[in-house]
PDB file of N, CA and C in Angstrom:
ATOM      1  N   MET A   1      85.348 -55.398 -12.972  1.00  0.00           N
ATOM      2  CA  MET A   1      84.120 -54.709 -13.622  1.00  0.00           C
ATOM      3  C   MET A   1      84.569 -53.801 -14.824  1.00  0.00           C
ATOM      4  N   ALA A   2      85.639 -53.288 -14.709  1.00  0.00           N
ATOM      5  CA  ALA A   2      86.297 -52.652 -15.765  1.00  0.00           C
ATOM      6  C   ALA A   2      86.457 -52.977 -17.111  1.00  0.00           C
ATOM      7  N   PHE A   3      87.062 -54.257 -17.016  1.00  0.00           N
ATOM      8  CA  PHE A   3      86.963 -55.374 -18.188  1.00  0.00           C
ATOM      9  C   PHE A   3      85.540 -55.564 -18.681  1.00  0.00           C
ATOM     10  N   ALA A   4      84.601 -55.903 -17.667  1.00  0.00           N
ATOM     11  CA  ALA A   4      83.255 -56.056 -18.414  1.00  0.00           C
ATOM     12  C   ALA A   4      82.600 -55.108 -19.016  1.00  0.00           C
ATOM     13  N   ASN A   5      83.101 -53.836 -18.501  1.00  0.00           N
ATOM     14  CA  ASN A   5      82.714 -52.384 -19.505  1.00  0.00           C
ATOM     15  C   ASN A   5      83.317 -52.535 -20.802  1.00  0.00           C
ATOM     16  N   ILE A   6      84.534 -52.652 -21.058  1.00  0.00           N
ATOM     17  CA  ILE A   6      85.360 -52.740 -22.214  1.00  0.00           C
ATOM     18  C   ILE A   6      84.683 -53.564 -22.963  1.00  0.00           C
ATOM     19  N   GLU A   7      84.759 -54.832 -22.468  1.00  0.00           N
ATOM     20  CA  GLU A   7      83.951 -55.835 -23.399  1.00  0.00           C
ATOM     21  C   GLU A   7      82.688 -55.711 -24.035  1.00  0.00           C
ATOM     22  N   GLU A   8      81.738 -55.178 -22.863  1.00  0.00           N
ATOM     23  CA  GLU A   8      80.390 -54.732 -23.605  1.00  0.00           C
ATOM     24  C   GLU A   8      80.582 -53.512 -24.497  1.00  0.00           C
ATOM     25  N   GLU A   9      81.512 -52.406 -24.368  1.00  0.00           N
ATOM     26  CA  GLU A   9      81.627 -51.553 -25.478  1.00  0.00           C
ATOM     27  C   GLU A   9      82.073 -52.068 -26.805  1.00  0.00           C
ATOM     28  N   GLN A  10      82.837 -53.048 -26.558  1.00  0.00           N
ATOM     29  CA  GLN A  10      83.423 -53.676 -27.938  1.00  0.00           C
ATOM     30  C   GLN A  10      82.269 -54.477 -28.698  1.00  0.00           C
ATOM     31  N   LYS A  11      81.401 -55.326 -27.721  1.00  0.00           N
ATOM     32  CA  LYS A  11      80.470 -55.844 -28.484  1.00  0.00           C
ATOM     33  C   LYS A  11      79.112 -54.560 -29.088  1.00  0.00           C
ATOM     34  N   GLU A  12      78.988 -53.716 -28.345  1.00  0.00           N
ATOM     35  CA  GLU A  12      78.212 -52.894 -29.130  1.00  0.00           C
ATOM     36  C   GLU A  12      78.742 -52.195 -30.327  1.00  0.00           C
ATOM     37  N   LYS A  13      80.248 -51.792 -30.321  1.00  0.00           N
ATOM     38  CA  LYS A  13      80.732 -51.410 -31.578  1.00  0.00           C
ATOM     39  C   LYS A  13      80.657 -52.735 -32.693  1.00  0.00           C
ATOM     40  N   ASP A  14      80.931 -53.668 -32.125  1.00  0.00           N
ATOM     41  CA  ASP A  14      80.810 -54.606 -33.260  1.00  0.00           C
ATOM     42  C   ASP A  14      79.325 -54.701 -33.900  1.00  0.00           C
ATOM     43  N   HIS A  15      78.370 -54.623 -33.086  1.00  0.00           N
ATOM     44  CA  HIS A  15      76.917 -54.386 -33.423  1.00  0.00           C
ATOM     45  C   HIS A  15      76.721 -53.431 -34.523  1.00  0.00           C
ATOM     46  N   VAL A  16      77.244 -52.218 -34.104  1.00  0.00           N
ATOM     47  CA  VAL A  16      76.802 -51.291 -34.973  1.00  0.00           C
ATOM     48  C   VAL A  16      77.740 -51.370 -36.020  1.00  0.00           C
ATOM     49  N   ILE A  17      78.814 -52.010 -36.171  1.00  0.00           N
ATOM     50  CA  ILE A  17      79.505 -51.990 -37.577  1.00  0.00           C
ATOM     51  C   ILE A  17      78.525 -53.132 -38.222  1.00  0.00           C
ATOM     52  N   LYS A  18      78.148 -54.014 -37.785  1.00  0.00           N
ATOM     53  CA  LYS A  18      77.245 -54.914 -38.512  1.00  0.00           C
ATOM     54  C   LYS A  18      75.868 -54.282 -39.058  1.00  0.00           C
ATOM     55  N   LEU A  19      75.404 -53.346 -38.330  1.00  0.00           N
ATOM     56  CA  LEU A  19      74.127 -52.783 -38.611  1.00  0.00           C
ATOM     57  C   LEU A  19      74.675 -51.654 -39.784  1.00  0.00           C
ATOM     58  N   MET A  20      75.831 -51.172 -39.676  1.00  0.00           N
ATOM     59  CA  MET A  20      76.312 -50.153 -40.966  1.00  0.00           C
ATOM     60  C   MET A  20      76.515 -51.024 -41.993  1.00  0.00           C
ATOM     61  N   GLN A  21      77.063 -52.448 -41.906  1.00  0.00           N
ATOM     62  CA  GLN A  21      77.206 -52.946 -43.092  1.00  0.00           C
ATOM     63  C   GLN A  21      76.185 -53.391 -43.917  1.00  0.00           C
ATOM     64  N   ALA A  22      75.345 -53.733 -42.888  1.00  0.00           N
ATOM     65  CA  ALA A  22      73.788 -54.383 -43.612  1.00  0.00           C
ATOM     66  C   ALA A  22      73.255 -53.093 -44.541  1.00  0.00           C
ATOM     67  N   THR A  23      73.317 -51.795 -43.629  1.00  0.00           N
ATOM     68  CA  THR A  23      72.600 -50.701 -44.153  1.00  0.00           C
ATOM     69  C   THR A  23      73.213 -50.411 -45.619  1.00  0.00           C
ATOM     70  N   ILE A  24      74.722 -50.193 -45.527  1.00  0.00           N
ATOM     71  CA  ILE A  24      75.221 -50.194 -47.016  1.00  0.00           C
ATOM     72  C   ILE A  24      74.737 -51.207 -48.065  1.00  0.00           C
ATOM     73  N   ALA A  25      74.968 -52.433 -47.649  1.00  0.00           N
ATOM     74  CA  ALA A  25      74.575 -53.443 -48.449  1.00  0.00           C
ATOM     75  C   ALA A  25      72.771 -53.043 -48.973  1.00  0.00           C
ATOM     76  N   ALA A  26      72.102 -52.847 -48.249  1.00  0.00           N
ATOM     77  CA  ALA A  26      70.733 -52.418 -48.558  1.00  0.00           C
ATOM     78  C   ALA A  26      70.506 -51.158 -49.523  1.00  0.00           C
ATOM     79  N   ILE A  27      71.336 -50.173 -49.221  1.00  0.00           N
ATOM     80  CA  ILE A  27      71.511 -49.001 -49.922  1.00  0.00           C
ATOM     81  C   ILE A  27      72.099 -49.419 -51.517  1.00  0.00           C
ATOM     82  N   GLU A  28      72.873 -50.051 -51.330  1.00  0.00           N
ATOM     83  CA  GLU A  28      73.768 -50.520 -52.735  1.00  0.00           C
ATOM     84  C   GLU A  28      72.892 -51.523 -53.451  1.00  0.00           C
ATOM     85  N   SER A  29      71.902 -52.142 -52.964  1.00  0.00           N
ATOM     86  CA  SER A  29      70.919 -53.175 -53.582  1.00  0.00           C
ATOM     87  C   SER A  29      70.006 -52.223 -54.207  1.00  0.00           C
ATOM     88  N   SER A  30      69.443 -51.298 -53.438  1.00  0.00           N
ATOM     89  CA  SER A  30      68.359 -50.256 -53.771  1.00  0.00           C
ATOM     90  C   SER A  30      69.018 -49.688 -55.075  1.00  0.00           C
ATOM     91  N   HIS A  31      70.165 -49.048 -54.967  1.00  0.00           N
ATOM     92  CA  HIS A  31      70.838 -48.113 -55.994  1.00  0.00           C
ATOM     93  C   HIS A  31      70.807 -49.070 -57.128  1.00  0.00           C
ATOM     94  N   ASP A  32      71.243 -50.192 -57.341  1.00  0.00           N
ATOM     95  CA  ASP A  32      71.409 -51.269 -58.467  1.00  0.00           C
ATOM     96  C   ASP A  32      70.000 -51.206 -59.154  1.00  0.00           C
ATOM     97  N   TYR A  33      69.135 -51.509 -58.109  1.00  0.00           N
ATOM     98  CA  TYR A  33      67.581 -51.817 -58.725  1.00  0.00           C
ATOM     99  C   TYR A  33      67.209 -50.648 -59.221  1.00  0.00           C
ATOM    100  N   SER A  34      67.395 -49.302 -58.733  1.00  0.00           N
ATOM    101  CA  SER A  34      67.070 -48.269 -59.374  1.00  0.00           C
ATOM    102  C   SER A  34      67.550 -47.952 -60.760  1.00  0.00           C
ATOM    103  N   GLU A  35      68.940 -48.286 -60.629  1.00  0.00           N
ATOM    104  CA  GLU A  35      69.704 -47.841 -61.939  1.00  0.00           C
ATOM    105  C   GLU A  35      69.015 -49.035 -63.101  1.00  0.00           C
ATOM    106  N   ASP A  36      68.734 -50.188 -62.729  1.00  0.00           N
ATOM    107  CA  ASP A  36      68.200 -51.117 -63.849  1.00  0.00           C
ATOM    108  C   ASP A  36      66.862 -50.723 -64.188  1.00  0.00           C
ATOM    109  N   LEU A  37      66.061 -50.377 -63.193  1.00  0.00           N
ATOM    110  CA  LEU A  37      64.540 -49.690 -63.310  1.00  0.00           C
ATOM    111  C   LEU A  37      64.594 -48.506 -64.613  1.00  0.00           C
ATOM    112  N   TYR A  38      65.994 -47.579 -64.125  1.00  0.00           N
ATOM    113  CA  TYR A  38      65.941 -46.433 -64.915  1.00  0.00           C
ATOM    114  C   TYR A  38      66.361 -46.927 -66.573  1.00  0.00           C
ATOM    115  N   GLU A  39      67.249 -47.954 -66.736  1.00  0.00           N
ATOM    116  CA  GLU A  39      67.874 -48.356 -67.786  1.00  0.00           C
ATOM    117  C   GLU A  39      66.453 -48.798 -68.605  1.00  0.00           C
ATOM    118  N   PHE A  40      65.808 -49.645 -68.102  1.00  0.00           N
ATOM    119  CA  PHE A  40      64.582 -50.334 -68.590  1.00  0.00           C
ATOM    120  C   PHE A  40      63.650 -49.238 -69.205  1.00  0.00           C
ATOM    121  N   TYR A  41      63.463 -48.277 -68.248  1.00  0.00           N
ATOM    122  CA  TYR A  41      62.465 -47.328 -68.692  1.00  0.00           C
ATOM    123  C   TYR A  41      62.990 -46.396 -70.217  1.00  0.00           C
ATOM    124  N   LEU A  42      64.499 -46.194 -69.994  1.00  0.00           N
ATOM    125  CA  LEU A  42      64.701 -45.674 -71.165  1.00  0.00           C
ATOM    126  C   LEU A  42      64.686 -46.294 -72.499  1.00  0.00           C
ATOM    127  N   ASP A  43      65.031 -47.615 -72.432  1.00  0.00           N
ATOM    128  CA  ASP A  43      64.642 -48.585 -73.292  1.00  0.00           C
ATOM    129  C   ASP A  43      63.424 -48.579 -74.115  1.00  0.00           C
ATOM    130  N   LEU A  44      62.477 -47.983 -73.268  1.00  0.00           N
ATOM    131  CA  LEU A  44      61.122 -48.201 -73.840  1.00  0.00           C
ATOM    132  C   LEU A  44      60.955 -47.322 -74.874  1.00  0.00           C
ATOM    133  N   PRO A  45      60.316 -47.661 -75.977  1.00  0.00           N
ATOM    134  CA  PRO A  45      59.904 -46.468 -76.860  1.00  0.00           C
ATOM    135  C   PRO A  45      59.225 -45.441 -76.469  1.00  0.00           C
ATOM    136  N   GLU A  46      59.404 -44.249 -77.173  1.00  0.00           N
ATOM    137  CA  GLU A  46      58.555 -42.978 -76.444  1.00  0.00           C
ATOM    138  C   GLU A  46      57.334 -43.210 -77.043  1.00  0.00           C
ATOM    139  N   GLU A  47      56.985 -43.602 -77.734  1.00  0.00           N
ATOM    140  CA  GLU A  47      55.533 -43.845 -78.029  1.00  0.00           C
ATOM    141  C   GLU A  47      54.781 -44.848 -77.204  1.00  0.00           C
ATOM    142  N   ASP A  48      55.195 -45.483 -76.695  1.00  0.00           N
ATOM    143  CA  ASP A  48      54.781 -46.675 -75.824  1.00  0.00           C
ATOM    144  C   ASP A  48      53.954 -46.356 -74.617  1.00  0.00           C
ATOM    145  N   GLU A  49      52.908 -46.458 -74.337  1.00  0.00           N
ATOM    146  CA  GLU A  49      51.970 -45.888 -73.071  1.00  0.00           C
ATOM    147  C   GLU A  49      52.743 -46.206 -71.872  1.00  0.00           C
ATOM    148  N   THR A  50      53.271 -47.614 -71.899  1.00  0.00           N
ATOM    149  CA  THR A  50      54.021 -47.851 -70.544  1.00  0.00           C
ATOM    150  C   THR A  50      54.851 -46.739 -70.226  1.00  0.00           C
ATOM    151  N   ARG A  51      55.696 -46.321 -71.149  1.00  0.00           N
ATOM    152  CA  ARG A  51      56.628 -45.411 -70.633  1.00  0.00           C
ATOM    153  C   ARG A  51      56.109 -44.060 -69.949  1.00  0.00           C
ATOM    154  N   THR A  52      54.798 -43.484 -70.587  1.00  0.00           N
ATOM    155  CA  THR A  52      54.015 -42.434 -70.155  1.00  0.00           C
ATOM    156  C   THR A  52      53.890 -42.810 -68.497  1.00  0.00           C
ATOM    157  N   HIS A  53      53.244 -43.771 -68.266  1.00  0.00           N
ATOM    158  CA  HIS A  53      52.475 -44.187 -66.937  1.00  0.00           C
ATOM    159  C   HIS A  53      53.742 -44.797 -66.142  1.00  0.00           C
ATOM    160  N   PHE A  54      54.817 -45.135 -66.563  1.00  0.00           N
ATOM    161  CA  PHE A  54      56.174 -45.855 -65.970  1.00  0.00           C
ATOM    162  C   PHE A  54      56.158 -45.384 -64.391  1.00  0.00           C
ATOM    163  N   PHE A  55      56.418 -43.979 -64.144  1.00  0.00           N
ATOM    164  CA  PHE A  55      56.893 -43.545 -62.778  1.00  0.00           C
ATOM    165  C   PHE A  55      55.381 -43.137 -62.463  1.00  0.00           C
TER     166      PHE A  55
END
């Protein structure tokens, strides 16, 4: 029974690690998208109406 508990705990740890890796990937993707969006905003001419209402 102790072996089953150890095995179950390891599975839970593996699951948490996978969830954390997926979360990190999602955060990095969101960060990259935000940076690209901000760069696009900065490249818009200041007199462009799109820039005024962009965010």
